[in-house]
């Protein structure tokens, strides 16, 4: 089973949410499992919704020790009670990470992914010049659309 991590903020504008929903749909259509932060907000909710609408499987790694803030589109909520430390679980459980619009939490997930040699695709997220200068060219990619992100994922998986 191939798990694709979709990381992004709990708050996002409508354009970013639409991109995340489409990305989730495309991931599910490929038969991949979508993993995200599991909450009922922002990129997490939108990407899970898109995957569920396409009949996919969704996993949400929640920062809490309860499911009150879990997205209704998450099939498998993983309650960690770890707060932001759960970002490590998100990354280590993903074969490829797509970073959508977000903030410091998303930046920490990008940094962890690169530290653990997980390929990262930036889709509407700019991690800044330091991250880009430290990342190997075989680990950090940019996509302009969800379709392009899925093409890059397919190429990465083919090469693994």
Protein backbone atom coordinates (compact mmCIF):
# COMPACT_ATOMS: atom_id res chain seq x y z
CA UNK A 1 0.00 0.00 0.00
CA UNK A 2 1.41 3.38 -1.01
CA UNK A 3 0.82 6.21 1.46
CA UNK A 4 1.04 9.79 0.22
CA UNK A 5 1.22 12.53 2.84
CA UNK A 6 -0.60 15.78 2.21
CA UNK A 7 0.51 18.49 4.60
CA UNK A 8 -0.94 21.95 4.97
CA UNK A 9 -2.45 24.46 7.31
CA UNK A 10 -5.62 24.39 9.33
CA UNK A 11 -6.55 27.68 7.69
CA UNK A 12 -6.45 28.25 3.95
CA UNK A 13 -8.14 30.35 1.30
CA UNK A 14 -10.74 28.93 -1.08
CA UNK A 15 -8.25 28.49 -3.93
CA UNK A 16 -5.89 26.46 -1.72
CA UNK A 17 -8.79 24.36 -0.42
CA UNK A 18 -9.92 23.60 -3.98
CA UNK A 19 -6.38 22.56 -4.91
CA UNK A 20 -6.22 20.27 -1.84
CA UNK A 21 -9.60 18.68 -2.69
CA UNK A 22 -8.47 18.00 -6.25
CA UNK A 23 -5.15 16.61 -5.03
CA UNK A 24 -7.01 14.26 -2.66
CA UNK A 25 -9.25 13.07 -5.50
CA UNK A 26 -6.29 12.38 -7.76
CA UNK A 27 -4.40 10.51 -5.04
CA UNK A 28 -7.43 8.28 -4.43
CA UNK A 29 -7.92 7.68 -8.17
CA UNK A 30 -4.36 6.32 -8.30
CA UNK A 31 -5.24 3.85 -5.54
CA UNK A 32 -2.89 5.47 -3.05
CA UNK A 33 -3.77 6.08 0.60
CA UNK A 34 -3.96 9.73 1.64
CA UNK A 35 -2.42 10.58 5.01
CA UNK A 36 -2.70 14.00 6.63
CA UNK A 37 -2.98 15.73 9.99
CA UNK A 38 -6.54 14.49 10.36
CA UNK A 39 -8.25 17.63 11.62
CA UNK A 40 -11.59 18.99 10.45
CA UNK A 41 -10.07 22.20 9.10
CA UNK A 42 -8.16 23.65 6.19
CA UNK A 43 -5.99 21.58 3.89
CA UNK A 44 -6.48 18.48 6.06
CA UNK A 45 -10.28 18.51 5.72
CA UNK A 46 -10.21 19.46 2.03
CA UNK A 47 -7.68 16.82 0.94
CA UNK A 48 -9.48 14.08 2.89
CA UNK A 49 -12.80 15.17 1.42
CA UNK A 50 -11.44 14.94 -2.11
CA UNK A 51 -10.01 11.49 -1.49
CA UNK A 52 -13.26 10.22 0.07
CA UNK A 53 -15.33 11.62 -2.81
CA UNK A 54 -13.17 9.54 -5.16
CA UNK A 55 -13.59 6.39 -3.04
CA UNK A 56 -10.13 6.50 -1.47
CA UNK A 57 -8.80 5.54 1.94
CA UNK A 58 -7.79 8.32 4.32
CA UNK A 59 -5.63 8.28 7.44
CA UNK A 60 -5.47 11.21 9.85
CA UNK A 61 -2.66 11.49 12.40
CA UNK A 62 -4.17 13.76 15.03
CA UNK A 63 -2.27 15.81 17.60
CA UNK A 64 -4.93 15.08 20.23
CA UNK A 65 -5.76 12.13 22.46
CA UNK A 66 -9.44 12.38 21.42
CA UNK A 67 -11.29 12.47 18.11
CA UNK A 68 -13.46 15.59 18.60
CA UNK A 69 -11.51 17.58 16.00
CA UNK A 70 -11.10 14.72 13.52
CA UNK A 71 -12.34 15.24 9.98
CA UNK A 72 -15.46 13.29 9.09
CA UNK A 73 -13.62 12.33 5.89
CA UNK A 74 -10.89 10.44 7.77
CA UNK A 75 -11.36 6.67 7.73
CA UNK A 76 -8.58 5.85 10.16
CA UNK A 77 -7.96 8.46 12.86
CA UNK A 78 -4.72 7.92 14.74
CA UNK A 79 -4.86 9.65 18.11
CA UNK A 80 -1.38 10.53 19.28
CA UNK A 81 -1.69 13.00 22.15
CA UNK A 82 1.64 14.27 20.82
CA UNK A 83 0.73 17.77 19.66
CA UNK A 84 3.10 18.96 16.95
CA UNK A 85 5.45 16.04 17.61
CA UNK A 86 2.95 14.01 15.57
CA UNK A 87 4.46 15.66 12.48
CA UNK A 88 7.24 13.08 12.68
CA UNK A 89 4.65 10.28 12.46
CA UNK A 90 3.07 12.00 9.44
CA UNK A 91 6.36 12.14 7.60
CA UNK A 92 7.79 8.74 8.47
CA UNK A 93 4.50 7.10 7.45
CA UNK A 94 4.50 8.75 3.99
CA UNK A 95 6.42 7.59 0.91
CA UNK A 96 6.11 11.05 -0.67
CA UNK A 97 4.99 14.31 0.94
CA UNK A 98 3.03 17.08 -0.79
CA UNK A 99 3.22 20.43 1.02
CA UNK A 100 0.21 22.64 0.34
CA UNK A 101 -0.58 26.10 1.71
CA UNK A 102 0.35 26.29 5.38
CA UNK A 103 2.47 27.87 8.04
CA UNK A 104 5.08 26.82 10.56
CA UNK A 105 3.61 23.35 11.08
CA UNK A 106 3.84 22.68 7.36
CA UNK A 107 7.36 24.08 7.30
CA UNK A 108 8.35 21.70 10.10
CA UNK A 109 6.90 18.79 8.12
CA UNK A 110 8.88 19.81 5.02
CA UNK A 111 12.06 20.01 7.10
CA UNK A 112 11.42 16.61 8.69
CA UNK A 113 10.69 15.05 5.32
CA UNK A 114 13.96 16.31 3.90
CA UNK A 115 15.84 15.22 7.05
CA UNK A 116 14.41 11.70 6.67
CA UNK A 117 15.05 11.64 2.90
CA UNK A 118 11.38 11.72 1.93
CA UNK A 119 10.68 13.41 -1.40
CA UNK A 120 8.71 16.64 -1.01
CA UNK A 121 6.54 18.28 -3.64
CA UNK A 122 5.73 21.93 -3.02
CA UNK A 123 2.22 22.78 -4.21
CA UNK A 124 1.35 26.31 -3.17
CA UNK A 125 3.88 26.35 -0.33
CA UNK A 126 7.13 28.30 -0.26
CA UNK A 127 9.52 27.01 2.43
CA UNK A 128 12.02 29.79 1.88
CA UNK A 129 15.56 29.89 0.50
CA UNK A 130 17.25 28.11 3.43
CA UNK A 131 15.21 24.93 2.97
CA UNK A 132 15.67 25.02 -0.77
CA UNK A 133 19.44 25.47 -0.44
CA UNK A 134 19.72 22.52 1.95
CA UNK A 135 17.49 20.14 0.03
CA UNK A 136 18.95 17.81 -2.55
CA UNK A 137 17.59 18.20 -6.05
CA UNK A 138 16.34 14.61 -5.90
CA UNK A 139 14.22 15.39 -2.82
CA UNK A 140 12.53 18.74 -3.45
CA UNK A 141 10.14 19.37 -6.34
CA UNK A 142 7.67 22.10 -7.33
CA UNK A 143 4.26 21.55 -8.88
CA UNK A 144 1.88 24.20 -10.19
CA UNK A 145 -1.22 22.00 -10.22
CA UNK A 146 -2.51 18.91 -8.42
CA UNK A 147 -2.24 17.02 -11.69
CA UNK A 148 1.43 17.91 -12.00
CA UNK A 149 2.02 16.90 -8.36
CA UNK A 150 0.53 13.45 -9.06
CA UNK A 151 2.70 13.10 -12.17
CA UNK A 152 5.78 13.87 -10.06
CA UNK A 153 4.68 11.36 -7.39
CA UNK A 154 4.31 8.69 -10.09
CA UNK A 155 7.83 9.40 -11.38
CA UNK A 156 9.26 9.30 -7.86
CA UNK A 157 7.56 5.99 -7.09
CA UNK A 158 8.72 4.52 -10.38
CA UNK A 159 12.31 5.36 -9.44
CA UNK A 160 12.13 3.88 -5.93
